[in-house]
N, C-alpha and C. Protein backbone atom coordinates (compact mmCIF):
# COMPACT_ATOMS: atom_id res chain seq x y z
N MET A 1 82.80 50.82 -16.29
CA MET A 1 81.78 49.78 -16.43
C MET A 1 80.39 50.28 -15.98
N ILE A 2 80.38 51.02 -14.85
CA ILE A 2 79.12 51.55 -14.32
C ILE A 2 79.27 53.04 -14.09
N ASN A 3 78.27 53.78 -14.54
CA ASN A 3 78.27 55.23 -14.32
C ASN A 3 76.84 55.69 -14.10
N THR A 4 76.59 56.34 -12.96
CA THR A 4 75.26 56.88 -12.71
C THR A 4 75.37 58.39 -12.55
N VAL A 5 74.36 59.08 -13.05
CA VAL A 5 74.31 60.54 -12.95
C VAL A 5 72.95 60.94 -12.37
N ASN A 6 72.99 61.55 -11.19
CA ASN A 6 71.77 62.05 -10.53
C ASN A 6 70.67 60.98 -10.46
N LEU A 7 71.09 59.78 -10.06
CA LEU A 7 70.16 58.66 -9.98
C LEU A 7 69.25 58.81 -8.76
N SER A 8 67.94 58.81 -9.00
CA SER A 8 66.99 58.93 -7.90
C SER A 8 65.90 57.86 -8.04
N LYS A 9 65.36 57.45 -6.90
CA LYS A 9 64.28 56.48 -6.89
C LYS A 9 63.25 56.88 -5.85
N VAL A 10 62.01 57.02 -6.31
CA VAL A 10 60.91 57.38 -5.43
C VAL A 10 59.91 56.21 -5.41
N PHE A 11 59.53 55.81 -4.21
CA PHE A 11 58.47 54.81 -4.05
C PHE A 11 57.21 55.53 -3.59
N ARG A 12 56.11 55.29 -4.29
CA ARG A 12 54.86 55.98 -3.97
C ARG A 12 53.77 54.98 -3.60
N THR A 13 53.03 55.31 -2.56
CA THR A 13 51.78 54.62 -2.25
C THR A 13 50.68 55.68 -2.32
N ASP A 14 49.46 55.30 -1.97
CA ASP A 14 48.35 56.26 -2.04
C ASP A 14 48.58 57.46 -1.13
N GLU A 15 49.26 57.22 -0.02
CA GLU A 15 49.38 58.28 0.97
C GLU A 15 50.81 58.78 1.18
N ILE A 16 51.79 57.96 0.83
CA ILE A 16 53.18 58.29 1.19
C ILE A 16 54.08 58.25 -0.04
N GLU A 17 55.01 59.19 -0.09
CA GLU A 17 56.06 59.21 -1.13
C GLU A 17 57.40 59.12 -0.41
N THR A 18 58.18 58.10 -0.74
CA THR A 18 59.47 57.89 -0.08
C THR A 18 60.60 58.05 -1.10
N LEU A 19 61.53 58.94 -0.80
CA LEU A 19 62.71 59.13 -1.66
C LEU A 19 63.80 58.18 -1.18
N ALA A 20 63.97 57.07 -1.90
CA ALA A 20 64.93 56.04 -1.48
C ALA A 20 66.35 56.35 -1.94
N LEU A 21 66.47 56.93 -3.12
CA LEU A 21 67.78 57.37 -3.63
C LEU A 21 67.65 58.81 -4.08
N ASN A 22 68.67 59.62 -3.74
CA ASN A 22 68.59 61.05 -3.98
C ASN A 22 69.83 61.53 -4.74
N SER A 23 69.72 61.59 -6.06
CA SER A 23 70.79 62.12 -6.92
C SER A 23 72.13 61.45 -6.65
N VAL A 24 72.16 60.13 -6.84
CA VAL A 24 73.38 59.36 -6.61
C VAL A 24 74.26 59.39 -7.86
N ASN A 25 75.51 59.81 -7.68
CA ASN A 25 76.50 59.81 -8.76
C ASN A 25 77.60 58.82 -8.42
N LEU A 26 77.76 57.82 -9.27
CA LEU A 26 78.74 56.76 -9.03
C LEU A 26 79.52 56.48 -10.30
N LYS A 27 80.78 56.13 -10.11
CA LYS A 27 81.56 55.60 -11.23
C LYS A 27 82.34 54.41 -10.70
N ILE A 28 82.09 53.25 -11.27
CA ILE A 28 82.77 52.03 -10.87
C ILE A 28 83.44 51.43 -12.09
N ASN A 29 84.75 51.28 -12.01
CA ASN A 29 85.52 50.80 -13.14
C ASN A 29 85.56 49.28 -13.20
N LYS A 30 85.77 48.78 -14.38
CA LYS A 30 85.90 47.34 -14.57
C LYS A 30 87.04 46.81 -13.71
N GLY A 31 86.79 45.72 -12.98
CA GLY A 31 87.82 45.11 -12.15
C GLY A 31 87.89 45.64 -10.73
N GLU A 32 87.05 46.61 -10.40
CA GLU A 32 87.04 47.13 -9.03
C GLU A 32 86.27 46.21 -8.08
N PHE A 33 86.58 46.32 -6.81
CA PHE A 33 85.82 45.66 -5.74
C PHE A 33 85.36 46.80 -4.83
N VAL A 34 84.05 47.07 -4.86
CA VAL A 34 83.49 48.22 -4.14
C VAL A 34 82.52 47.73 -3.08
N ALA A 35 82.66 48.26 -1.87
CA ALA A 35 81.72 47.97 -0.79
C ALA A 35 80.81 49.18 -0.59
N ILE A 36 79.51 48.90 -0.45
CA ILE A 36 78.54 49.96 -0.17
C ILE A 36 78.03 49.75 1.25
N MET A 37 78.17 50.79 2.07
CA MET A 37 77.81 50.70 3.48
C MET A 37 76.84 51.82 3.85
N GLY A 38 76.19 51.64 4.99
CA GLY A 38 75.26 52.65 5.50
C GLY A 38 74.22 52.00 6.37
N PRO A 39 73.49 52.77 7.15
CA PRO A 39 72.49 52.21 8.07
C PRO A 39 71.31 51.60 7.32
N SER A 40 70.54 50.77 7.99
CA SER A 40 69.34 50.19 7.39
C SER A 40 68.41 51.29 6.91
N GLY A 41 67.85 51.09 5.72
CA GLY A 41 66.93 52.08 5.18
C GLY A 41 67.57 53.23 4.46
N CYS A 42 68.90 53.15 4.22
CA CYS A 42 69.59 54.28 3.59
C CYS A 42 69.55 54.21 2.07
N GLY A 43 69.04 53.11 1.52
CA GLY A 43 68.95 53.00 0.06
C GLY A 43 69.89 52.00 -0.57
N LYS A 44 70.61 51.23 0.25
CA LYS A 44 71.61 50.29 -0.30
C LYS A 44 70.96 49.24 -1.21
N SER A 45 69.91 48.60 -0.73
CA SER A 45 69.26 47.54 -1.51
C SER A 45 68.59 48.11 -2.76
N THR A 46 68.00 49.29 -2.63
CA THR A 46 67.39 49.94 -3.80
C THR A 46 68.45 50.20 -4.87
N LEU A 47 69.61 50.71 -4.44
CA LEU A 47 70.70 50.97 -5.38
C LEU A 47 71.15 49.67 -6.04
N MET A 48 71.30 48.61 -5.25
CA MET A 48 71.73 47.33 -5.82
C MET A 48 70.73 46.80 -6.84
N ASN A 49 69.44 46.96 -6.55
CA ASN A 49 68.42 46.50 -7.49
C ASN A 49 68.49 47.24 -8.82
N ILE A 50 68.80 48.53 -8.75
CA ILE A 50 68.91 49.31 -9.99
C ILE A 50 70.19 48.95 -10.73
N LEU A 51 71.31 48.87 -9.99
CA LEU A 51 72.58 48.50 -10.64
C LEU A 51 72.50 47.11 -11.25
N GLY A 52 71.73 46.21 -10.62
CA GLY A 52 71.58 44.85 -11.12
C GLY A 52 70.49 44.68 -12.17
N LEU A 53 69.92 45.81 -12.60
CA LEU A 53 68.89 45.82 -13.66
C LEU A 53 67.63 45.06 -13.24
N LEU A 54 67.37 45.04 -11.94
CA LEU A 54 66.13 44.46 -11.45
C LEU A 54 65.03 45.52 -11.36
N ASP A 55 65.42 46.79 -11.40
CA ASP A 55 64.47 47.89 -11.30
C ASP A 55 65.03 49.09 -12.04
N ASN A 56 64.16 50.03 -12.39
CA ASN A 56 64.56 51.26 -13.05
C ASN A 56 64.56 52.43 -12.06
N PRO A 57 65.43 53.41 -12.25
CA PRO A 57 65.36 54.61 -11.42
C PRO A 57 64.15 55.46 -11.80
N SER A 58 63.74 56.33 -10.90
CA SER A 58 62.67 57.29 -11.22
C SER A 58 63.22 58.44 -12.06
N GLU A 59 64.46 58.83 -11.77
CA GLU A 59 65.13 59.90 -12.53
C GLU A 59 66.61 59.58 -12.62
N GLY A 60 67.27 60.25 -13.58
CA GLY A 60 68.72 60.12 -13.71
C GLY A 60 69.14 59.16 -14.79
N GLN A 61 70.44 59.04 -14.95
CA GLN A 61 71.03 58.20 -15.99
C GLN A 61 71.83 57.06 -15.36
N TYR A 62 71.81 55.93 -16.04
CA TYR A 62 72.61 54.78 -15.61
C TYR A 62 73.20 54.12 -16.85
N THR A 63 74.51 54.18 -16.95
CA THR A 63 75.21 53.55 -18.07
C THR A 63 75.91 52.29 -17.59
N PHE A 64 75.57 51.17 -18.21
CA PHE A 64 76.18 49.89 -17.88
C PHE A 64 76.89 49.36 -19.12
N ASP A 65 78.20 49.20 -19.01
CA ASP A 65 78.98 48.72 -20.17
C ASP A 65 78.67 49.53 -21.43
N ASN A 66 78.71 50.85 -21.29
CA ASN A 66 78.50 51.77 -22.41
C ASN A 66 77.09 51.76 -22.98
N THR A 67 76.15 51.16 -22.26
CA THR A 67 74.75 51.14 -22.70
C THR A 67 73.90 51.90 -21.68
N GLU A 68 73.11 52.86 -22.15
CA GLU A 68 72.21 53.58 -21.26
C GLU A 68 71.01 52.67 -20.95
N VAL A 69 70.84 52.36 -19.67
CA VAL A 69 69.86 51.34 -19.29
C VAL A 69 68.75 51.86 -18.38
N ALA A 70 68.79 53.14 -18.03
CA ALA A 70 67.84 53.66 -17.03
C ALA A 70 66.39 53.50 -17.46
N GLY A 71 66.13 53.54 -18.76
CA GLY A 71 64.74 53.49 -19.22
C GLY A 71 64.33 52.20 -19.88
N LEU A 72 65.15 51.16 -19.74
CA LEU A 72 64.84 49.90 -20.42
C LEU A 72 63.59 49.25 -19.85
N LYS A 73 62.85 48.56 -20.71
CA LYS A 73 61.71 47.76 -20.25
C LYS A 73 62.22 46.50 -19.55
N GLU A 74 61.33 45.86 -18.80
CA GLU A 74 61.72 44.70 -17.99
C GLU A 74 62.37 43.60 -18.83
N GLY A 75 61.80 43.30 -19.98
CA GLY A 75 62.34 42.25 -20.84
C GLY A 75 63.73 42.59 -21.34
N GLN A 76 63.95 43.87 -21.65
CA GLN A 76 65.27 44.31 -22.12
C GLN A 76 66.30 44.20 -20.99
N ARG A 77 65.88 44.56 -19.77
CA ARG A 77 66.80 44.44 -18.63
C ARG A 77 67.15 42.98 -18.38
N THR A 78 66.18 42.10 -18.49
CA THR A 78 66.41 40.67 -18.29
C THR A 78 67.43 40.14 -19.29
N ASP A 79 67.26 40.51 -20.55
CA ASP A 79 68.19 40.05 -21.59
C ASP A 79 69.61 40.54 -21.31
N LEU A 80 69.74 41.78 -20.83
CA LEU A 80 71.07 42.34 -20.58
C LEU A 80 71.71 41.70 -19.35
N ARG A 81 70.90 41.31 -18.37
CA ARG A 81 71.45 40.67 -17.16
C ARG A 81 72.07 39.32 -17.48
N LYS A 82 71.45 38.57 -18.39
CA LYS A 82 71.89 37.20 -18.66
C LYS A 82 73.35 37.15 -19.06
N GLY A 83 74.13 36.40 -18.31
CA GLY A 83 75.53 36.21 -18.63
C GLY A 83 76.43 37.38 -18.28
N ASN A 84 75.82 38.53 -17.90
CA ASN A 84 76.61 39.72 -17.59
C ASN A 84 76.68 40.03 -16.11
N ILE A 85 75.61 39.66 -15.37
CA ILE A 85 75.53 40.00 -13.95
C ILE A 85 75.18 38.75 -13.15
N GLY A 86 75.95 38.51 -12.08
CA GLY A 86 75.64 37.43 -11.14
C GLY A 86 75.26 38.01 -9.80
N PHE A 87 74.37 37.32 -9.08
CA PHE A 87 73.88 37.81 -7.80
C PHE A 87 74.20 36.82 -6.68
N VAL A 88 74.62 37.36 -5.54
CA VAL A 88 74.82 36.57 -4.33
C VAL A 88 74.05 37.26 -3.21
N PHE A 89 73.18 36.50 -2.52
CA PHE A 89 72.29 37.08 -1.52
C PHE A 89 72.61 36.57 -0.13
N GLN A 90 72.22 37.35 0.87
CA GLN A 90 72.41 36.95 2.27
C GLN A 90 71.68 35.64 2.57
N SER A 91 70.49 35.48 2.01
CA SER A 91 69.67 34.30 2.30
C SER A 91 69.87 33.17 1.29
N PHE A 92 70.93 33.26 0.50
CA PHE A 92 71.36 32.24 -0.46
C PHE A 92 70.43 32.15 -1.68
N ASN A 93 69.09 32.15 -1.43
CA ASN A 93 68.10 32.09 -2.52
C ASN A 93 68.26 30.88 -3.42
N LEU A 94 68.63 29.75 -2.82
CA LEU A 94 68.67 28.50 -3.58
C LEU A 94 67.26 27.92 -3.66
N ILE A 95 67.01 27.11 -4.67
CA ILE A 95 65.69 26.49 -4.86
C ILE A 95 65.70 25.13 -4.17
N ASP A 96 64.88 24.97 -3.14
CA ASP A 96 64.90 23.77 -2.30
C ASP A 96 64.63 22.49 -3.07
N GLU A 97 63.82 22.59 -4.13
CA GLU A 97 63.42 21.39 -4.89
C GLU A 97 64.49 20.92 -5.86
N LEU A 98 65.53 21.74 -6.04
CA LEU A 98 66.61 21.39 -6.97
C LEU A 98 67.86 21.04 -6.19
N ASN A 99 68.61 20.06 -6.70
CA ASN A 99 69.87 19.73 -6.02
C ASN A 99 70.94 20.77 -6.39
N VAL A 100 72.12 20.59 -5.82
CA VAL A 100 73.20 21.56 -6.01
C VAL A 100 73.51 21.76 -7.48
N PHE A 101 73.67 20.67 -8.21
CA PHE A 101 73.99 20.76 -9.63
C PHE A 101 72.92 21.56 -10.36
N GLU A 102 71.65 21.24 -10.09
CA GLU A 102 70.54 21.89 -10.80
C GLU A 102 70.43 23.37 -10.44
N ASN A 103 70.69 23.72 -9.18
CA ASN A 103 70.67 25.12 -8.79
C ASN A 103 71.72 25.92 -9.55
N VAL A 104 72.94 25.38 -9.64
CA VAL A 104 74.03 26.09 -10.32
C VAL A 104 73.76 26.16 -11.83
N GLU A 105 73.10 25.13 -12.34
CA GLU A 105 72.83 25.04 -13.79
C GLU A 105 71.76 26.04 -14.25
N MET A 106 70.91 26.48 -13.34
CA MET A 106 69.72 27.25 -13.71
C MET A 106 69.99 28.45 -14.62
N PRO A 107 70.98 29.32 -14.33
CA PRO A 107 71.21 30.46 -15.23
C PRO A 107 71.56 30.03 -16.65
N LEU A 108 72.23 28.89 -16.79
CA LEU A 108 72.63 28.41 -18.11
C LEU A 108 71.42 27.90 -18.89
N VAL A 109 70.46 27.34 -18.17
CA VAL A 109 69.22 26.89 -18.82
C VAL A 109 68.50 28.09 -19.44
N TYR A 110 68.43 29.19 -18.67
CA TYR A 110 67.77 30.39 -19.18
C TYR A 110 68.51 30.98 -20.38
N GLN A 111 69.81 30.73 -20.44
CA GLN A 111 70.59 31.24 -21.57
C GLN A 111 70.56 30.27 -22.76
N ARG A 112 69.83 29.16 -22.58
CA ARG A 112 69.65 28.17 -23.66
C ARG A 112 70.97 27.59 -24.14
N ILE A 113 71.84 27.35 -23.19
CA ILE A 113 73.12 26.70 -23.49
C ILE A 113 72.88 25.19 -23.56
N SER A 114 73.57 24.50 -24.42
CA SER A 114 73.33 23.07 -24.64
C SER A 114 73.60 22.27 -23.37
N SER A 115 72.94 21.13 -23.26
CA SER A 115 73.05 20.28 -22.08
C SER A 115 74.49 19.85 -21.82
N LYS A 116 75.19 19.48 -22.87
CA LYS A 116 76.57 19.02 -22.72
C LYS A 116 77.46 20.15 -22.19
N THR A 117 77.32 21.33 -22.77
CA THR A 117 78.13 22.47 -22.33
C THR A 117 77.77 22.87 -20.91
N ARG A 118 76.47 22.83 -20.59
CA ARG A 118 76.04 23.16 -19.22
C ARG A 118 76.71 22.23 -18.21
N LYS A 119 76.73 20.96 -18.52
CA LYS A 119 77.32 19.98 -17.60
C LYS A 119 78.79 20.28 -17.36
N GLU A 120 79.51 20.60 -18.42
CA GLU A 120 80.94 20.92 -18.30
C GLU A 120 81.14 22.18 -17.45
N MET A 121 80.33 23.19 -17.70
CA MET A 121 80.48 24.46 -16.98
C MET A 121 80.15 24.31 -15.50
N VAL A 122 79.08 23.56 -15.21
CA VAL A 122 78.68 23.37 -13.81
C VAL A 122 79.71 22.54 -13.06
N ASN A 123 80.16 21.46 -13.67
CA ASN A 123 81.17 20.62 -13.00
C ASN A 123 82.45 21.40 -12.72
N LYS A 124 82.81 22.25 -13.65
CA LYS A 124 84.04 23.04 -13.48
C LYS A 124 83.92 23.99 -12.30
N VAL A 125 82.79 24.69 -12.20
CA VAL A 125 82.65 25.68 -11.13
C VAL A 125 82.43 25.00 -9.78
N LEU A 126 81.76 23.85 -9.75
CA LEU A 126 81.59 23.13 -8.49
C LEU A 126 82.93 22.62 -7.97
N GLU A 127 83.77 22.19 -8.89
CA GLU A 127 85.11 21.74 -8.48
C GLU A 127 85.89 22.91 -7.88
N ARG A 128 85.76 24.05 -8.51
CA ARG A 128 86.47 25.23 -8.01
C ARG A 128 85.99 25.62 -6.62
N MET A 129 84.71 25.47 -6.37
CA MET A 129 84.13 25.84 -5.07
C MET A 129 84.23 24.71 -4.04
N ASN A 130 84.94 23.64 -4.41
CA ASN A 130 85.07 22.47 -3.52
C ASN A 130 83.70 21.91 -3.11
N MET A 131 82.78 21.88 -4.10
CA MET A 131 81.43 21.39 -3.83
C MET A 131 81.04 20.24 -4.75
N SER A 132 81.99 19.67 -5.49
CA SER A 132 81.67 18.58 -6.42
C SER A 132 81.05 17.39 -5.68
N HIS A 133 81.53 17.13 -4.47
CA HIS A 133 81.04 15.98 -3.71
C HIS A 133 79.63 16.19 -3.19
N ARG A 134 79.10 17.40 -3.34
CA ARG A 134 77.74 17.70 -2.88
C ARG A 134 76.77 17.93 -4.05
N ALA A 135 77.18 17.59 -5.26
CA ALA A 135 76.40 17.92 -6.45
C ALA A 135 74.97 17.38 -6.41
N LYS A 136 74.77 16.22 -5.80
CA LYS A 136 73.44 15.60 -5.78
C LYS A 136 72.68 15.90 -4.50
N HIS A 137 73.28 16.66 -3.60
CA HIS A 137 72.60 17.03 -2.36
C HIS A 137 71.65 18.22 -2.60
N TYR A 138 70.70 18.35 -1.68
CA TYR A 138 69.74 19.45 -1.75
C TYR A 138 70.12 20.53 -0.73
N PRO A 139 69.68 21.78 -0.96
CA PRO A 139 70.11 22.87 -0.09
C PRO A 139 69.95 22.59 1.41
N GLN A 140 68.82 21.96 1.79
CA GLN A 140 68.58 21.72 3.22
C GLN A 140 69.53 20.69 3.82
N GLN A 141 70.29 20.01 2.96
CA GLN A 141 71.28 19.04 3.43
C GLN A 141 72.67 19.67 3.60
N LEU A 142 72.76 20.97 3.35
CA LEU A 142 74.05 21.66 3.39
C LEU A 142 74.12 22.63 4.56
N SER A 143 75.33 22.92 5.01
CA SER A 143 75.54 23.97 6.00
C SER A 143 75.36 25.33 5.33
N GLY A 144 75.27 26.38 6.15
CA GLY A 144 75.15 27.73 5.60
C GLY A 144 76.31 28.10 4.70
N GLY A 145 77.52 27.76 5.14
CA GLY A 145 78.69 28.06 4.34
C GLY A 145 78.67 27.34 3.00
N GLN A 146 78.22 26.08 3.01
CA GLN A 146 78.14 25.32 1.77
C GLN A 146 77.07 25.91 0.84
N GLN A 147 75.95 26.32 1.43
CA GLN A 147 74.90 26.92 0.60
C GLN A 147 75.39 28.20 -0.07
N GLN A 148 76.17 28.99 0.65
CA GLN A 148 76.67 30.22 0.04
C GLN A 148 77.70 29.92 -1.04
N ARG A 149 78.48 28.87 -0.87
CA ARG A 149 79.40 28.45 -1.93
C ARG A 149 78.63 28.08 -3.20
N VAL A 150 77.53 27.37 -3.01
CA VAL A 150 76.68 27.00 -4.15
C VAL A 150 76.10 28.25 -4.80
N ALA A 151 75.67 29.20 -3.97
CA ALA A 151 75.12 30.45 -4.50
C ALA A 151 76.17 31.21 -5.31
N ILE A 152 77.40 31.21 -4.82
CA ILE A 152 78.47 31.88 -5.57
C ILE A 152 78.75 31.13 -6.87
N ALA A 153 78.73 29.81 -6.80
CA ALA A 153 78.92 29.00 -8.01
C ALA A 153 77.86 29.35 -9.05
N ARG A 154 76.62 29.46 -8.60
CA ARG A 154 75.53 29.83 -9.51
C ARG A 154 75.76 31.22 -10.10
N ALA A 155 76.27 32.14 -9.27
CA ALA A 155 76.49 33.52 -9.73
C ALA A 155 77.58 33.60 -10.79
N VAL A 156 78.59 32.74 -10.70
CA VAL A 156 79.75 32.88 -11.58
C VAL A 156 79.80 31.85 -12.70
N VAL A 157 78.84 30.91 -12.74
CA VAL A 157 78.94 29.80 -13.70
C VAL A 157 78.98 30.28 -15.15
N SER A 158 78.30 31.39 -15.44
CA SER A 158 78.31 31.89 -16.81
C SER A 158 79.37 32.97 -17.03
N ASN A 159 80.29 33.08 -16.05
CA ASN A 159 81.43 33.99 -16.16
C ASN A 159 81.00 35.44 -16.40
N PRO A 160 80.14 35.98 -15.53
CA PRO A 160 79.70 37.37 -15.72
C PRO A 160 80.82 38.35 -15.39
N GLY A 161 80.73 39.54 -15.98
CA GLY A 161 81.72 40.57 -15.68
C GLY A 161 81.49 41.25 -14.35
N LEU A 162 80.24 41.15 -13.83
CA LEU A 162 79.86 41.86 -12.61
C LEU A 162 79.14 40.92 -11.65
N ILE A 163 79.56 40.94 -10.39
CA ILE A 163 78.83 40.23 -9.33
C ILE A 163 78.33 41.25 -8.32
N LEU A 164 77.05 41.16 -8.01
CA LEU A 164 76.44 41.98 -6.97
C LEU A 164 76.19 41.08 -5.76
N ALA A 165 76.80 41.42 -4.65
CA ALA A 165 76.70 40.60 -3.44
C ALA A 165 76.02 41.42 -2.34
N ASP A 166 74.86 40.96 -1.89
CA ASP A 166 74.08 41.68 -0.88
C ASP A 166 74.23 40.98 0.46
N GLU A 167 75.04 41.54 1.35
CA GLU A 167 75.32 40.95 2.67
C GLU A 167 75.70 39.47 2.54
N PRO A 168 76.72 39.14 1.76
CA PRO A 168 77.01 37.73 1.45
C PRO A 168 77.42 36.90 2.65
N THR A 169 77.86 37.53 3.75
CA THR A 169 78.26 36.75 4.94
C THR A 169 77.27 36.95 6.09
N GLY A 170 76.15 37.60 5.81
CA GLY A 170 75.22 37.98 6.87
C GLY A 170 74.65 36.82 7.66
N ASN A 171 74.52 35.64 7.05
CA ASN A 171 73.97 34.47 7.74
C ASN A 171 75.03 33.43 8.07
N LEU A 172 76.29 33.83 8.05
CA LEU A 172 77.38 32.87 8.24
C LEU A 172 78.17 33.18 9.51
N ASP A 173 78.79 32.13 10.06
CA ASP A 173 79.72 32.36 11.17
C ASP A 173 81.01 32.97 10.63
N SER A 174 81.89 33.36 11.52
CA SER A 174 83.08 34.12 11.09
C SER A 174 83.98 33.31 10.16
N LYS A 175 84.13 32.01 10.43
CA LYS A 175 85.03 31.19 9.61
C LYS A 175 84.48 31.06 8.18
N ASN A 176 83.20 30.70 8.07
CA ASN A 176 82.60 30.58 6.74
C ASN A 176 82.52 31.93 6.05
N GLY A 177 82.28 32.98 6.84
CA GLY A 177 82.24 34.32 6.26
C GLY A 177 83.58 34.70 5.65
N GLN A 178 84.64 34.39 6.35
CA GLN A 178 85.98 34.69 5.83
C GLN A 178 86.25 33.91 4.55
N GLU A 179 85.83 32.65 4.50
CA GLU A 179 86.04 31.84 3.30
C GLU A 179 85.29 32.43 2.10
N VAL A 180 84.07 32.89 2.35
CA VAL A 180 83.29 33.50 1.27
C VAL A 180 83.97 34.78 0.78
N MET A 181 84.47 35.59 1.70
CA MET A 181 85.14 36.83 1.29
C MET A 181 86.42 36.53 0.52
N GLU A 182 87.12 35.49 0.90
CA GLU A 182 88.34 35.11 0.17
C GLU A 182 87.99 34.62 -1.24
N LEU A 183 86.86 33.92 -1.37
CA LEU A 183 86.42 33.48 -2.70
C LEU A 183 86.10 34.69 -3.59
N LEU A 184 85.38 35.65 -3.02
CA LEU A 184 85.03 36.84 -3.79
C LEU A 184 86.29 37.62 -4.18
N THR A 185 87.25 37.69 -3.26
CA THR A 185 88.51 38.39 -3.54
C THR A 185 89.27 37.70 -4.67
N GLU A 186 89.27 36.38 -4.64
CA GLU A 186 89.95 35.62 -5.70
C GLU A 186 89.30 35.88 -7.06
N LEU A 187 87.97 35.89 -7.09
CA LEU A 187 87.26 36.17 -8.34
C LEU A 187 87.58 37.58 -8.83
N ASN A 188 87.66 38.52 -7.90
CA ASN A 188 87.99 39.89 -8.26
C ASN A 188 89.40 39.99 -8.84
N ARG A 189 90.35 39.27 -8.24
CA ARG A 189 91.72 39.29 -8.76
C ARG A 189 91.79 38.76 -10.18
N GLU A 190 90.85 37.90 -10.53
CA GLU A 190 90.83 37.34 -11.88
C GLU A 190 90.09 38.23 -12.87
N GLY A 191 89.59 39.37 -12.38
CA GLY A 191 89.01 40.35 -13.29
C GLY A 191 87.54 40.64 -13.12
N THR A 192 86.85 39.91 -12.24
CA THR A 192 85.42 40.15 -12.05
C THR A 192 85.21 41.41 -11.21
N THR A 193 84.35 42.28 -11.67
CA THR A 193 83.97 43.47 -10.90
C THR A 193 82.98 43.04 -9.82
N ILE A 194 83.18 43.51 -8.59
CA ILE A 194 82.30 43.12 -7.49
C ILE A 194 81.80 44.36 -6.77
N ILE A 195 80.49 44.42 -6.60
CA ILE A 195 79.86 45.45 -5.78
C ILE A 195 79.15 44.73 -4.64
N MET A 196 79.49 45.08 -3.42
CA MET A 196 78.99 44.36 -2.26
C MET A 196 78.35 45.32 -1.26
N VAL A 197 77.12 45.02 -0.87
CA VAL A 197 76.49 45.72 0.24
C VAL A 197 76.83 44.97 1.52
N THR A 198 77.28 45.70 2.53
CA THR A 198 77.65 45.03 3.78
C THR A 198 77.50 45.97 4.97
N HIS A 199 77.19 45.39 6.13
CA HIS A 199 77.23 46.12 7.39
C HIS A 199 78.56 45.88 8.10
N SER A 200 79.35 44.94 7.57
CA SER A 200 80.56 44.50 8.26
C SER A 200 81.77 45.32 7.84
N ILE A 201 82.37 46.00 8.80
CA ILE A 201 83.61 46.74 8.54
C ILE A 201 84.71 45.78 8.09
N GLN A 202 84.72 44.60 8.70
CA GLN A 202 85.75 43.62 8.35
C GLN A 202 85.61 43.18 6.89
N ASP A 203 84.37 42.88 6.46
CA ASP A 203 84.16 42.48 5.07
C ASP A 203 84.50 43.63 4.12
N ALA A 204 84.13 44.84 4.50
CA ALA A 204 84.41 45.99 3.65
C ALA A 204 85.90 46.19 3.44
N GLY A 205 86.69 45.70 4.38
CA GLY A 205 88.14 45.83 4.28
C GLY A 205 88.75 45.07 3.12
N TYR A 206 88.00 44.14 2.54
CA TYR A 206 88.49 43.40 1.37
C TYR A 206 88.36 44.23 0.09
N ALA A 207 87.56 45.28 0.14
CA ALA A 207 87.27 46.07 -1.06
C ALA A 207 88.39 47.05 -1.39
N HIS A 208 88.37 47.56 -2.61
CA HIS A 208 89.28 48.63 -3.01
C HIS A 208 88.77 49.99 -2.53
N ARG A 209 87.44 50.06 -2.40
CA ARG A 209 86.82 51.36 -2.12
C ARG A 209 85.53 51.14 -1.35
N ILE A 210 85.25 52.04 -0.41
CA ILE A 210 84.00 51.99 0.35
C ILE A 210 83.19 53.23 0.01
N ILE A 211 81.92 53.00 -0.34
CA ILE A 211 80.98 54.09 -0.59
C ILE A 211 79.93 54.08 0.51
N ASN A 212 79.79 55.18 1.21
CA ASN A 212 78.83 55.28 2.31
C ASN A 212 77.58 56.02 1.86
N LEU A 213 76.43 55.39 2.10
CA LEU A 213 75.14 56.01 1.81
C LEU A 213 74.47 56.44 3.11
N PHE A 214 73.74 57.53 3.02
CA PHE A 214 72.91 57.97 4.16
C PHE A 214 71.73 58.73 3.59
N ASP A 215 70.53 58.32 3.97
CA ASP A 215 69.30 58.95 3.47
C ASP A 215 69.29 59.04 1.95
N GLY A 216 69.76 57.97 1.29
CA GLY A 216 69.68 57.91 -0.16
C GLY A 216 70.74 58.69 -0.90
N LYS A 217 71.71 59.26 -0.16
CA LYS A 217 72.77 60.04 -0.78
C LYS A 217 74.13 59.41 -0.50
N VAL A 218 75.07 59.60 -1.44
CA VAL A 218 76.45 59.24 -1.18
C VAL A 218 77.05 60.34 -0.30
N VAL A 219 77.45 59.97 0.91
CA VAL A 219 77.97 60.99 1.84
C VAL A 219 79.49 60.91 2.00
N MET A 220 80.08 59.77 1.60
CA MET A 220 81.53 59.64 1.74
C MET A 220 82.04 58.50 0.88
N GLU A 221 83.22 58.67 0.33
CA GLU A 221 83.92 57.59 -0.37
C GLU A 221 85.33 57.48 0.21
N GLU A 222 85.77 56.26 0.37
CA GLU A 222 87.10 56.03 0.96
C GLU A 222 87.83 54.97 0.15
N SER A 223 89.01 55.29 -0.32
CA SER A 223 89.83 54.33 -1.05
C SER A 223 90.68 53.53 -0.08
N LEU A 224 90.70 52.20 -0.26
CA LEU A 224 91.48 51.33 0.61
C LEU A 224 92.70 50.74 -0.08
N VAL A 225 92.86 51.03 -1.36
CA VAL A 225 93.96 50.44 -2.12
C VAL A 225 95.29 50.87 -1.52
N GLY A 226 96.11 49.87 -1.24
CA GLY A 226 97.43 50.15 -0.69
C GLY A 226 97.46 50.30 0.81
N GLU A 227 96.24 50.29 1.44
CA GLU A 227 96.19 50.50 2.87
C GLU A 227 96.13 49.21 3.68
N HIS A 228 95.93 48.10 2.99
CA HIS A 228 95.79 46.83 3.70
C HIS A 228 96.21 45.67 2.80
N SER A 229 96.42 44.57 3.38
CA SER A 229 96.70 43.37 2.60
C SER A 229 96.05 42.18 3.31
N LEU A 230 94.87 41.82 2.79
CA LEU A 230 94.11 40.72 3.39
C LEU A 230 94.34 39.45 2.59
C-alpha cells in the first residue's frame, strides 16, 4: 500500500537548513498496523504529513496505492486523500462551532455525497462509536475520550483504507486511552491499515510492527506479530 524510497525532507529559512527526513525507506502493506516511535524532533510528524499527502518530500519516491505521489500538486494530493485517508490527532481537531453530527459529516460534504446518504453514514458510525446520544452536542460539552471517539468517527465515516493517527491517546487518561486503542485495533482487524505516531510503549504494543526514527532516519524496525495478545 505504501512504499517510500530515499524519502528526504529539508526545511529552509533564510539562515537555516534543517534535514527533517534523511533517506527514509519504508514498506507498509495493506492491513498492517504500524507504530512509529522516536524522540521529539526526530521527523515523525514530518513523515506523517508526507504519508498523509499533506506535504511533498524534497527528494525521493513515495508510492501510495500503486500511484507515485511524491511530486503531486496540492490539489491533486487533496483529491487523492478524499475517501482514502482518515486522520486522528492528539488534539482531536474538532470544529467547536459544529455539533458532533456535523463534525463527523464534514468529510462527506467535501466528497459531495448526497444529504440522505451522509445522514445514513454518519448515524451508522456514531452508533458504532457509542456516540449516537451525543449527536447534537458540541465538542466543548464532551469529555476528552468522547471527543476522540468523535474524531475517530470522522476519520472512518467514508471508510478509508488508511488511518493516520498522531499521538491518538496523548491527551487522554489511561482508561480512555485504552478504549481508543481498542477501537483502532478493531478497525485494523476489519482491514483498515493504520499508521500511528506514539511516544507510548504500551500503545505501540497494539501494533504489528514498530519503526523507530532518530534524526530523520529509520534506525530500527521490530515485528510484534505473534509476540503479544492485547
